[in-house]
Amino acid sequence: MSDRVGGVRWGVVAGTCAVLAVVLAVCVSLGTWQWRVGTEEGTEVAPAAAVPLADALAPASASEPGVGKTVTVVGEFSQDDAALVGGGRVIDGVEAVLVVRPFTVAADATGTGEEATLPVVVGWLPADKVDSLGGPGTVTDLSGYLRGAEGASVLVEEGAPAGTFWADTLSPAVFAQAWESPLYSALLVADEPEAGLNPIPEPTPEHELNFRSIVYALEWWLFGAFFLFVGIRWIRDNGRVQPDADASAPPASESVKEGSP
């Protein structure tokens, strides 16, 4: 059976499309794999060594220079009320409340020569267990990482267990209404949770982009686009039946007749 149906060379077109589909599948899959390697599976950034808090952040200053850094700090927990931060947080599938306590940083550890208050996230507990929260510990030195503040919310003392107040966000601006100033504008997430509390989940490790793999991914996708362009042009130029030159020429009798006087 002829493959020249309706003026189209279907056998040639089908074969070309099959080869093109295989080439495109290879280029797209290899490009996707290289992109994933370059963006999601890059080299993990090792956390920097801990530094004294004074080397990372000063009291009542912008938090950006210190956010993400691992620090150590010396002082003691204040007896001021602790902040209970809810806001619909879920940890390990449980509605969680973060516990934030004011930590008075020693004057010789702030870098300013004066004491300052550092908000410290000391752990979390299920929302239905907040009444079991005890008092602050007697720890005099802490380590952890600094995290940025969340948007401001409202401080609510009504309905909170004794020695606490409610807040919807981790906001030093809100905590300043109940704690001694000056305050740090970032919060310390303690490495070790307070006794009776659950530890805060560790942040997702950072990864460096692998630019070589990203370039390889783009190259594979460009190869695929090039082969697609060439394939379409080839089908356009060769996928139709070409008329016979003899069939297009006029019959000999007509040629003679046209040439007659």
C-alpha atoms as a PDB file:
ATOM      1  CA  MET A   1       0.000   0.000   0.000  1.00  0.00           C
ATOM      2  CA  SER A   2       1.361   3.397  -0.907  1.00  0.00           C
ATOM      3  CA  ASP A   3       2.189   5.761   1.916  1.00  0.00           C
ATOM      4  CA  ARG A   4       1.428   8.738  -0.312  1.00  0.00           C
ATOM      5  CA  VAL A   5      -2.108   9.532   0.776  1.00  0.00           C
ATOM      6  CA  GLY A   6      -3.641  12.930   0.215  1.00  0.00           C
ATOM      7  CA  GLY A   7      -0.353  14.264  -1.119  1.00  0.00           C
ATOM      8  CA  VAL A   8       1.478  13.507   2.166  1.00  0.00           C
ATOM      9  CA  ARG A   9       4.304  10.998   2.504  1.00  0.00           C
ATOM     10  CA  TRP A  10       2.974   9.524   5.761  1.00  0.00           C
ATOM     11  CA  GLY A  11       5.714   6.949   6.130  1.00  0.00           C
ATOM     12  CA  VAL A  12       8.401   9.616   6.025  1.00  0.00           C
ATOM     13  CA  VAL A  13       6.455  11.956   8.319  1.00  0.00           C
ATOM     14  CA  ALA A  14       5.744   9.223  10.873  1.00  0.00           C
ATOM     15  CA  GLY A  15       9.359   8.053  10.934  1.00  0.00           C
ATOM     16  CA  THR A  16      10.659  11.570  11.356  1.00  0.00           C
ATOM     17  CA  CYS A  17       8.172  12.299  14.153  1.00  0.00           C
ATOM     18  CA  ALA A  18       9.199   9.130  15.987  1.00  0.00           C
ATOM     19  CA  VAL A  19      12.890  10.013  15.843  1.00  0.00           C
ATOM     20  CA  LEU A  20      12.120  13.598  16.857  1.00  0.00           C
ATOM     21  CA  ALA A  21      10.048  12.427  19.845  1.00  0.00           C
ATOM     22  CA  VAL A  22      12.926  10.258  21.090  1.00  0.00           C
ATOM     23  CA  VAL A  23      15.451  13.077  20.708  1.00  0.00           C
ATOM     24  CA  LEU A  24      13.184  15.572  22.481  1.00  0.00           C
ATOM     25  CA  ALA A  25      12.486  13.149  25.335  1.00  0.00           C
ATOM     26  CA  VAL A  26      16.215  12.632  25.862  1.00  0.00           C
ATOM     27  CA  CYS A  27      17.019  16.351  25.744  1.00  0.00           C
ATOM     28  CA  VAL A  28      14.166  17.334  28.077  1.00  0.00           C
ATOM     29  CA  SER A  29      14.863  14.579  30.610  1.00  0.00           C
ATOM     30  CA  LEU A  30      18.603  15.248  30.719  1.00  0.00           C
ATOM     31  CA  GLY A  31      17.993  18.986  30.992  1.00  0.00           C
ATOM     32  CA  THR A  32      15.510  18.481  33.825  1.00  0.00           C
ATOM     33  CA  TRP A  33      17.931  16.210  35.665  1.00  0.00           C
ATOM     34  CA  GLN A  34      20.777  18.715  35.347  1.00  0.00           C
ATOM     35  CA  TRP A  35      18.509  21.537  36.523  1.00  0.00           C
ATOM     36  CA  ARG A  36      17.506  19.553  39.607  1.00  0.00           C
ATOM     37  CA  VAL A  37      21.139  18.799  40.389  1.00  0.00           C
ATOM     38  CA  GLY A  38      22.047  22.453  39.997  1.00  0.00           C
ATOM     39  CA  THR A  39      19.219  23.945  42.052  1.00  0.00           C
ATOM     40  CA  GLU A  40      17.998  21.354  44.541  1.00  0.00           C
ATOM     41  CA  GLU A  41      20.969  19.095  45.103  1.00  0.00           C
ATOM     42  CA  GLY A  42      23.770  21.613  45.135  1.00  0.00           C
ATOM     43  CA  THR A  43      26.552  21.622  47.672  1.00  0.00           C
ATOM     44  CA  GLU A  44      25.169  22.011  51.180  1.00  0.00           C
ATOM     45  CA  VAL A  45      26.391  25.151  52.888  1.00  0.00           C
ATOM     46  CA  ALA A  46      28.010  24.228  56.176  1.00  0.00           C
ATOM     47  CA  PRO A  47      26.876  26.446  59.070  1.00  0.00           C
ATOM     48  CA  ALA A  48      29.477  28.949  60.165  1.00  0.00           C
ATOM     49  CA  ALA A  49      31.136  28.612  63.555  1.00  0.00           C
ATOM     50  CA  ALA A  50      29.352  30.304  66.434  1.00  0.00           C
ATOM     51  CA  VAL A  51      30.458  33.837  67.280  1.00  0.00           C
ATOM     52  CA  PRO A  52      29.715  36.024  70.318  1.00  0.00           C
ATOM     53  CA  LEU A  53      26.423  37.884  69.986  1.00  0.00           C
ATOM     54  CA  ALA A  54      28.225  41.246  70.093  1.00  0.00           C
ATOM     55  CA  ASP A  55      30.080  40.299  66.887  1.00  0.00           C
ATOM     56  CA  ALA A  56      26.835  39.585  65.031  1.00  0.00           C
ATOM     57  CA  LEU A  57      24.262  42.087  66.268  1.00  0.00           C
ATOM     58  CA  ALA A  58      23.923  45.143  68.494  1.00  0.00           C
ATOM     59  CA  PRO A  59      20.896  46.017  70.636  1.00  0.00           C
ATOM     60  CA  ALA A  60      18.199  48.197  69.029  1.00  0.00           C
ATOM     61  CA  SER A  61      19.814  47.959  65.584  1.00  0.00           C
ATOM     62  CA  ALA A  62      18.691  46.518  62.254  1.00  0.00           C
ATOM     63  CA  SER A  63      18.493  42.736  62.389  1.00  0.00           C
ATOM     64  CA  GLU A  64      19.655  41.974  58.817  1.00  0.00           C
ATOM     65  CA  PRO A  65      23.409  41.722  59.556  1.00  0.00           C
ATOM     66  CA  GLY A  66      22.861  39.055  62.195  1.00  0.00           C
ATOM     67  CA  VAL A  67      19.972  36.960  60.876  1.00  0.00           C
ATOM     68  CA  GLY A  68      21.028  33.390  60.192  1.00  0.00           C
ATOM     69  CA  LYS A  69      24.232  33.553  62.197  1.00  0.00           C
ATOM     70  CA  THR A  70      25.017  31.114  64.993  1.00  0.00           C
ATOM     71  CA  VAL A  71      25.912  32.923  68.198  1.00  0.00           C
ATOM     72  CA  THR A  72      26.715  32.439  71.853  1.00  0.00           C
ATOM     73  CA  VAL A  73      25.562  34.795  74.582  1.00  0.00           C
ATOM     74  CA  VAL A  74      26.056  35.225  78.327  1.00  0.00           C
ATOM     75  CA  GLY A  75      23.499  36.563  80.801  1.00  0.00           C
ATOM     76  CA  GLU A  76      20.417  35.280  82.607  1.00  0.00           C
ATOM     77  CA  PHE A  77      16.711  34.862  82.027  1.00  0.00           C
ATOM     78  CA  SER A  78      14.549  37.708  83.282  1.00  0.00           C
ATOM     79  CA  GLN A  79      11.578  37.100  85.556  1.00  0.00           C
ATOM     80  CA  ASP A  80       9.337  39.137  83.235  1.00  0.00           C
ATOM     81  CA  ASP A  81       6.354  37.418  81.644  1.00  0.00           C
ATOM     82  CA  ALA A  82       7.036  34.969  78.831  1.00  0.00           C
ATOM     83  CA  ALA A  83       5.405  35.387  75.430  1.00  0.00           C
ATOM     84  CA  LEU A  84       3.162  32.634  74.085  1.00  0.00           C
ATOM     85  CA  VAL A  85       3.144  32.878  70.298  1.00  0.00           C
ATOM     86  CA  GLY A  86       0.423  30.951  68.517  1.00  0.00           C
ATOM     87  CA  GLY A  87      -1.075  32.228  65.322  1.00  0.00           C
ATOM     88  CA  GLY A  88      -2.162  28.827  64.034  1.00  0.00           C
ATOM     89  CA  ARG A  89       1.318  27.277  63.884  1.00  0.00           C
ATOM     90  CA  VAL A  90       1.590  23.544  63.298  1.00  0.00           C
ATOM     91  CA  ILE A  91       4.665  21.473  64.186  1.00  0.00           C
ATOM     92  CA  ASP A  92       4.768  17.713  63.624  1.00  0.00           C
ATOM     93  CA  GLY A  93       1.052  17.812  62.848  1.00  0.00           C
ATOM     94  CA  VAL A  94       0.213  19.413  66.212  1.00  0.00           C
ATOM     95  CA  GLU A  95      -1.118  22.908  66.846  1.00  0.00           C
ATOM     96  CA  ALA A  96       1.884  24.491  68.511  1.00  0.00           C
ATOM     97  CA  VAL A  97       2.596  27.478  70.713  1.00  0.00           C
ATOM     98  CA  LEU A  98       6.117  28.901  70.766  1.00  0.00           C
ATOM     99  CA  VAL A  99       7.501  30.025  74.112  1.00  0.00           C
ATOM    100  CA  VAL A 100       9.665  33.151  74.032  1.00  0.00           C
ATOM    101  CA  ARG A 101      11.457  34.381  77.141  1.00  0.00           C
ATOM    102  CA  PRO A 102      13.404  37.601  77.769  1.00  0.00           C
ATOM    103  CA  PHE A 103      17.117  36.965  78.309  1.00  0.00           C
ATOM    104  CA  THR A 104      19.106  39.780  79.895  1.00  0.00           C
ATOM    105  CA  VAL A 105      22.428  39.910  78.088  1.00  0.00           C
ATOM    106  CA  ALA A 106      25.318  40.854  80.370  1.00  0.00           C
ATOM    107  CA  ALA A 107      26.694  44.370  79.932  1.00  0.00           C
ATOM    108  CA  ASP A 108      30.103  43.102  78.830  1.00  0.00           C
ATOM    109  CA  ALA A 109      28.493  40.813  76.208  1.00  0.00           C
ATOM    110  CA  THR A 110      26.402  43.386  74.315  1.00  0.00           C
ATOM    111  CA  GLY A 111      29.262  45.423  72.906  1.00  0.00           C
ATOM    112  CA  THR A 112      27.689  48.608  74.257  1.00  0.00           C
ATOM    113  CA  GLY A 113      28.659  48.315  77.905  1.00  0.00           C
ATOM    114  CA  GLU A 114      24.995  48.176  78.968  1.00  0.00           C
ATOM    115  CA  GLU A 115      22.596  45.315  79.518  1.00  0.00           C
ATOM    116  CA  ALA A 116      20.013  44.550  76.825  1.00  0.00           C
ATOM    117  CA  THR A 117      17.097  42.154  76.405  1.00  0.00           C
ATOM    118  CA  LEU A 118      17.285  39.349  73.868  1.00  0.00           C
ATOM    119  CA  PRO A 119      14.070  37.488  72.927  1.00  0.00           C
ATOM    120  CA  VAL A 120      14.833  33.769  73.082  1.00  0.00           C
ATOM    121  CA  VAL A 121      12.619  31.055  71.598  1.00  0.00           C
ATOM    122  CA  VAL A 122      13.124  28.345  74.200  1.00  0.00           C
ATOM    123  CA  GLY A 123      10.853  25.682  72.666  1.00  0.00           C
ATOM    124  CA  TRP A 124       7.252  24.869  71.929  1.00  0.00           C
ATOM    125  CA  LEU A 125       4.378  22.939  73.441  1.00  0.00           C
ATOM    126  CA  PRO A 126       0.960  21.820  72.219  1.00  0.00           C
ATOM    127  CA  ALA A 127      -1.703  24.516  72.385  1.00  0.00           C
ATOM    128  CA  ASP A 128      -3.699  22.519  74.942  1.00  0.00           C
ATOM    129  CA  LYS A 129      -0.687  22.245  77.289  1.00  0.00           C
ATOM    130  CA  VAL A 130       0.142  25.922  77.836  1.00  0.00           C
ATOM    131  CA  ASP A 131      -1.170  25.805  81.408  1.00  0.00           C
ATOM    132  CA  SER A 132       1.671  23.419  82.292  1.00  0.00           C
ATOM    133  CA  LEU A 133       4.407  25.952  81.485  1.00  0.00           C
ATOM    134  CA  GLY A 134       6.819  26.485  84.361  1.00  0.00           C
ATOM    135  CA  GLY A 135       9.176  29.325  85.192  1.00  0.00           C
ATOM    136  CA  PRO A 136      12.427  30.279  83.447  1.00  0.00           C
ATOM    137  CA  GLY A 137      15.510  28.184  83.982  1.00  0.00           C
ATOM    138  CA  THR A 138      18.778  29.273  85.553  1.00  0.00           C
ATOM    139  CA  VAL A 139      20.875  29.004  82.401  1.00  0.00           C
ATOM    140  CA  THR A 140      23.538  31.715  82.163  1.00  0.00           C
ATOM    141  CA  ASP A 141      24.900  31.012  78.681  1.00  0.00           C
ATOM    142  CA  LEU A 142      23.067  30.147  75.497  1.00  0.00           C
ATOM    143  CA  SER A 143      23.838  29.188  71.941  1.00  0.00           C
ATOM    144  CA  GLY A 144      21.598  29.140  68.894  1.00  0.00           C
ATOM    145  CA  TYR A 145      20.891  30.948  65.642  1.00  0.00           C
ATOM    146  CA  LEU A 146      19.389  34.377  65.083  1.00  0.00           C
ATOM    147  CA  ARG A 147      16.151  34.646  63.136  1.00  0.00           C
ATOM    148  CA  GLY A 148      14.329  37.697  61.870  1.00  0.00           C
ATOM    149  CA  ALA A 149      11.206  39.165  63.396  1.00  0.00           C
ATOM    150  CA  GLU A 150       7.720  38.665  62.021  1.00  0.00           C
ATOM    151  CA  GLY A 151       5.168  41.412  61.498  1.00  0.00           C
ATOM    152  CA  ALA A 152       3.801  43.224  64.512  1.00  0.00           C
ATOM    153  CA  SER A 153       0.738  41.883  66.282  1.00  0.00           C
ATOM    154  CA  VAL A 154      -1.161  42.659  69.470  1.00  0.00           C
ATOM    155  CA  LEU A 155      -0.094  41.803  73.004  1.00  0.00           C
ATOM    156  CA  VAL A 156      -2.941  40.111  74.893  1.00  0.00           C
ATOM    157  CA  GLU A 157      -2.715  39.407  78.626  1.00  0.00           C
ATOM    158  CA  GLU A 158      -6.312  38.302  79.188  1.00  0.00           C
ATOM    159  CA  GLY A 159      -6.782  34.556  79.171  1.00  0.00           C
ATOM    160  CA  ALA A 160      -3.066  33.843  79.358  1.00  0.00           C
ATOM    161  CA  PRO A 161      -1.652  31.615  82.134  1.00  0.00           C
ATOM    162  CA  ALA A 162       0.014  33.421  85.033  1.00  0.00           C
ATOM    163  CA  GLY A 163       3.407  34.814  84.087  1.00  0.00           C
ATOM    164  CA  THR A 164       2.691  34.908  80.342  1.00  0.00           C
ATOM    165  CA  PHE A 165       0.989  36.923  77.623  1.00  0.00           C
ATOM    166  CA  TRP A 166      -0.283  36.040  74.165  1.00  0.00           C
ATOM    167  CA  ALA A 167       1.075  37.277  70.836  1.00  0.00           C
ATOM    168  CA  ASP A 168       0.320  36.180  67.284  1.00  0.00           C
ATOM    169  CA  THR A 169       3.776  36.795  65.840  1.00  0.00           C
ATOM    170  CA  LEU A 170       7.443  36.709  66.809  1.00  0.00           C
ATOM    171  CA  SER A 171       7.784  40.465  67.059  1.00  0.00           C
ATOM    172  CA  PRO A 172      10.262  42.221  69.388  1.00  0.00           C
ATOM    173  CA  ALA A 173       8.223  45.375  68.792  1.00  0.00           C
ATOM    174  CA  VAL A 174       5.331  43.689  70.609  1.00  0.00           C
ATOM    175  CA  PHE A 175       7.546  42.147  73.291  1.00  0.00           C
ATOM    176  CA  ALA A 176       8.953  45.615  74.069  1.00  0.00           C
ATOM    177  CA  GLN A 177       5.603  46.492  75.644  1.00  0.00           C
ATOM    178  CA  ALA A 178       6.298  43.987  78.426  1.00  0.00           C
ATOM    179  CA  TRP A 179      10.103  43.712  78.614  1.00  0.00           C
ATOM    180  CA  GLU A 180      12.986  45.991  79.525  1.00  0.00           C
ATOM    181  CA  SER A 181      14.595  48.072  76.792  1.00  0.00           C
ATOM    182  CA  PRO A 182      16.765  48.163  74.799  1.00  0.00           C
ATOM    183  CA  LEU A 183      15.716  45.044  72.911  1.00  0.00           C
ATOM    184  CA  TYR A 184      17.457  43.203  70.116  1.00  0.00           C
ATOM    185  CA  SER A 185      15.526  43.315  66.844  1.00  0.00           C
ATOM    186  CA  ALA A 186      16.193  39.628  66.096  1.00  0.00           C
ATOM    187  CA  LEU A 187      15.342  36.535  68.112  1.00  0.00           C
ATOM    188  CA  LEU A 188      17.614  33.744  69.276  1.00  0.00           C
ATOM    189  CA  VAL A 189      16.348  30.217  68.656  1.00  0.00           C
ATOM    190  CA  ALA A 190      18.035  28.220  71.412  1.00  0.00           C
ATOM    191  CA  ASP A 191      19.866  25.028  70.505  1.00  0.00           C
ATOM    192  CA  GLU A 192      18.589  23.295  73.631  1.00  0.00           C
ATOM    193  CA  PRO A 193      14.918  23.608  74.607  1.00  0.00           C
ATOM    194  CA  GLU A 194      13.806  24.578  78.067  1.00  0.00           C
ATOM    195  CA  ALA A 195      13.021  21.657  80.369  1.00  0.00           C
ATOM    196  CA  GLY A 196       9.539  20.331  79.612  1.00  0.00           C
ATOM    197  CA  LEU A 197       9.359  21.917  76.137  1.00  0.00           C
ATOM    198  CA  ASN A 198       9.876  20.493  72.671  1.00  0.00           C
ATOM    199  CA  PRO A 199      12.824  21.609  70.535  1.00  0.00           C
ATOM    200  CA  ILE A 200      12.242  23.965  67.617  1.00  0.00           C
ATOM    201  CA  PRO A 201      12.736  22.112  64.299  1.00  0.00           C
ATOM    202  CA  GLU A 202      16.061  22.875  62.683  1.00  0.00           C
ATOM    203  CA  PRO A 203      15.939  25.175  59.655  1.00  0.00           C
ATOM    204  CA  THR A 204      16.239  23.630  56.203  1.00  0.00           C
ATOM    205  CA  PRO A 205      19.916  23.408  55.195  1.00  0.00           C
ATOM    206  CA  GLU A 206      20.978  25.933  52.596  1.00  0.00           C
ATOM    207  CA  HIS A 207      22.428  24.806  49.286  1.00  0.00           C
ATOM    208  CA  GLU A 208      24.746  26.547  46.898  1.00  0.00           C
ATOM    209  CA  LEU A 209      23.656  26.635  43.260  1.00  0.00           C
ATOM    210  CA  ASN A 210      25.689  24.450  40.922  1.00  0.00           C
ATOM    211  CA  PHE A 211      25.960  26.829  37.969  1.00  0.00           C
ATOM    212  CA  ARG A 212      27.742  24.289  35.769  1.00  0.00           C
ATOM    213  CA  SER A 213      24.790  21.907  36.009  1.00  0.00           C
ATOM    214  CA  ILE A 214      22.367  24.774  35.350  1.00  0.00           C
ATOM    215  CA  VAL A 215      24.291  25.691  32.173  1.00  0.00           C
ATOM    216  CA  TYR A 216      24.251  22.042  31.067  1.00  0.00           C
ATOM    217  CA  ALA A 217      20.474  21.968  31.593  1.00  0.00           C
ATOM    218  CA  LEU A 218      20.002  25.039  29.408  1.00  0.00           C
ATOM    219  CA  GLU A 219      22.230  23.507  26.733  1.00  0.00           C
ATOM    220  CA  TRP A 220      20.195  20.302  26.637  1.00  0.00           C
ATOM    221  CA  TRP A 221      16.962  22.286  26.290  1.00  0.00           C
ATOM    222  CA  LEU A 222      18.499  24.399  23.510  1.00  0.00           C
ATOM    223  CA  PHE A 223      19.557  21.214  21.702  1.00  0.00           C
ATOM    224  CA  GLY A 224      15.989  19.963  21.975  1.00  0.00           C
ATOM    225  CA  ALA A 225      14.609  23.235  20.579  1.00  0.00           C
ATOM    226  CA  PHE A 226      17.120  23.114  17.711  1.00  0.00           C
ATOM    227  CA  PHE A 227      16.216  19.522  16.776  1.00  0.00           C
ATOM    228  CA  LEU A 228      12.521  20.420  16.942  1.00  0.00           C
ATOM    229  CA  PHE A 229      13.073  23.339  14.562  1.00  0.00           C
ATOM    230  CA  VAL A 230      15.098  21.212  12.137  1.00  0.00           C
ATOM    231  CA  GLY A 231      12.558  18.390  12.278  1.00  0.00           C
ATOM    232  CA  ILE A 232       9.627  20.669  11.508  1.00  0.00           C
ATOM    233  CA  ARG A 233      11.480  22.256   8.596  1.00  0.00           C
ATOM    234  CA  TRP A 234      12.459  18.846   7.223  1.00  0.00           C
ATOM    235  CA  ILE A 235       8.877  17.573   7.409  1.00  0.00           C
ATOM    236  CA  ARG A 236       7.624  20.728   5.730  1.00  0.00           C
ATOM    237  CA  ASP A 237      10.126  20.384   2.887  1.00  0.00           C
ATOM    238  CA  ASN A 238      10.018  16.611   2.397  1.00  0.00           C
ATOM    239  CA  GLY A 239       6.707  15.416   3.762  1.00  0.00           C
ATOM    240  CA  ARG A 240       4.637  16.096   0.653  1.00  0.00           C
ATOM    241  CA  VAL A 241       4.606  14.271  -2.656  1.00  0.00           C
ATOM    242  CA  GLN A 242       6.460  16.265  -5.303  1.00  0.00           C
ATOM    243  CA  PRO A 243       4.702  16.476  -8.695  1.00  0.00           C
ATOM    244  CA  ASP A 244       6.459  14.693 -11.578  1.00  0.00           C
ATOM    245  CA  ALA A 245       8.192  17.018 -13.966  1.00  0.00           C
ATOM    246  CA  ASP A 246       6.888  15.029 -16.964  1.00  0.00           C
ATOM    247  CA  ALA A 247       3.329  15.171 -15.722  1.00  0.00           C
ATOM    248  CA  SER A 248       3.505  18.928 -15.386  1.00  0.00           C
ATOM    249  CA  ALA A 249       4.709  19.387 -19.004  1.00  0.00           C
ATOM    250  CA  PRO A 250       2.000  19.914 -21.680  1.00  0.00           C
ATOM    251  CA  PRO A 251       1.358  17.048 -24.160  1.00  0.00           C
ATOM    252  CA  ALA A 252       3.449  17.070 -27.338  1.00  0.00           C
ATOM    253  CA  SER A 253       0.376  17.583 -29.590  1.00  0.00           C
ATOM    254  CA  GLU A 254      -0.533  20.699 -27.657  1.00  0.00           C
ATOM    255  CA  SER A 255       3.024  21.990 -27.994  1.00  0.00           C
ATOM    256  CA  VAL A 256       2.942  21.513 -31.749  1.00  0.00           C
ATOM    257  CA  LYS A 257      -0.457  23.074 -31.959  1.00  0.00           C
ATOM    258  CA  GLU A 258       0.670  26.094 -29.981  1.00  0.00           C
ATOM    259  CA  GLY A 259       3.692  26.476 -32.266  1.00  0.00           C
ATOM    260  CA  SER A 260       1.666  26.293 -35.501  1.00  0.00           C
ATOM    261  CA  PRO A 261       1.121  29.534 -37.454  1.00  0.00           C
END
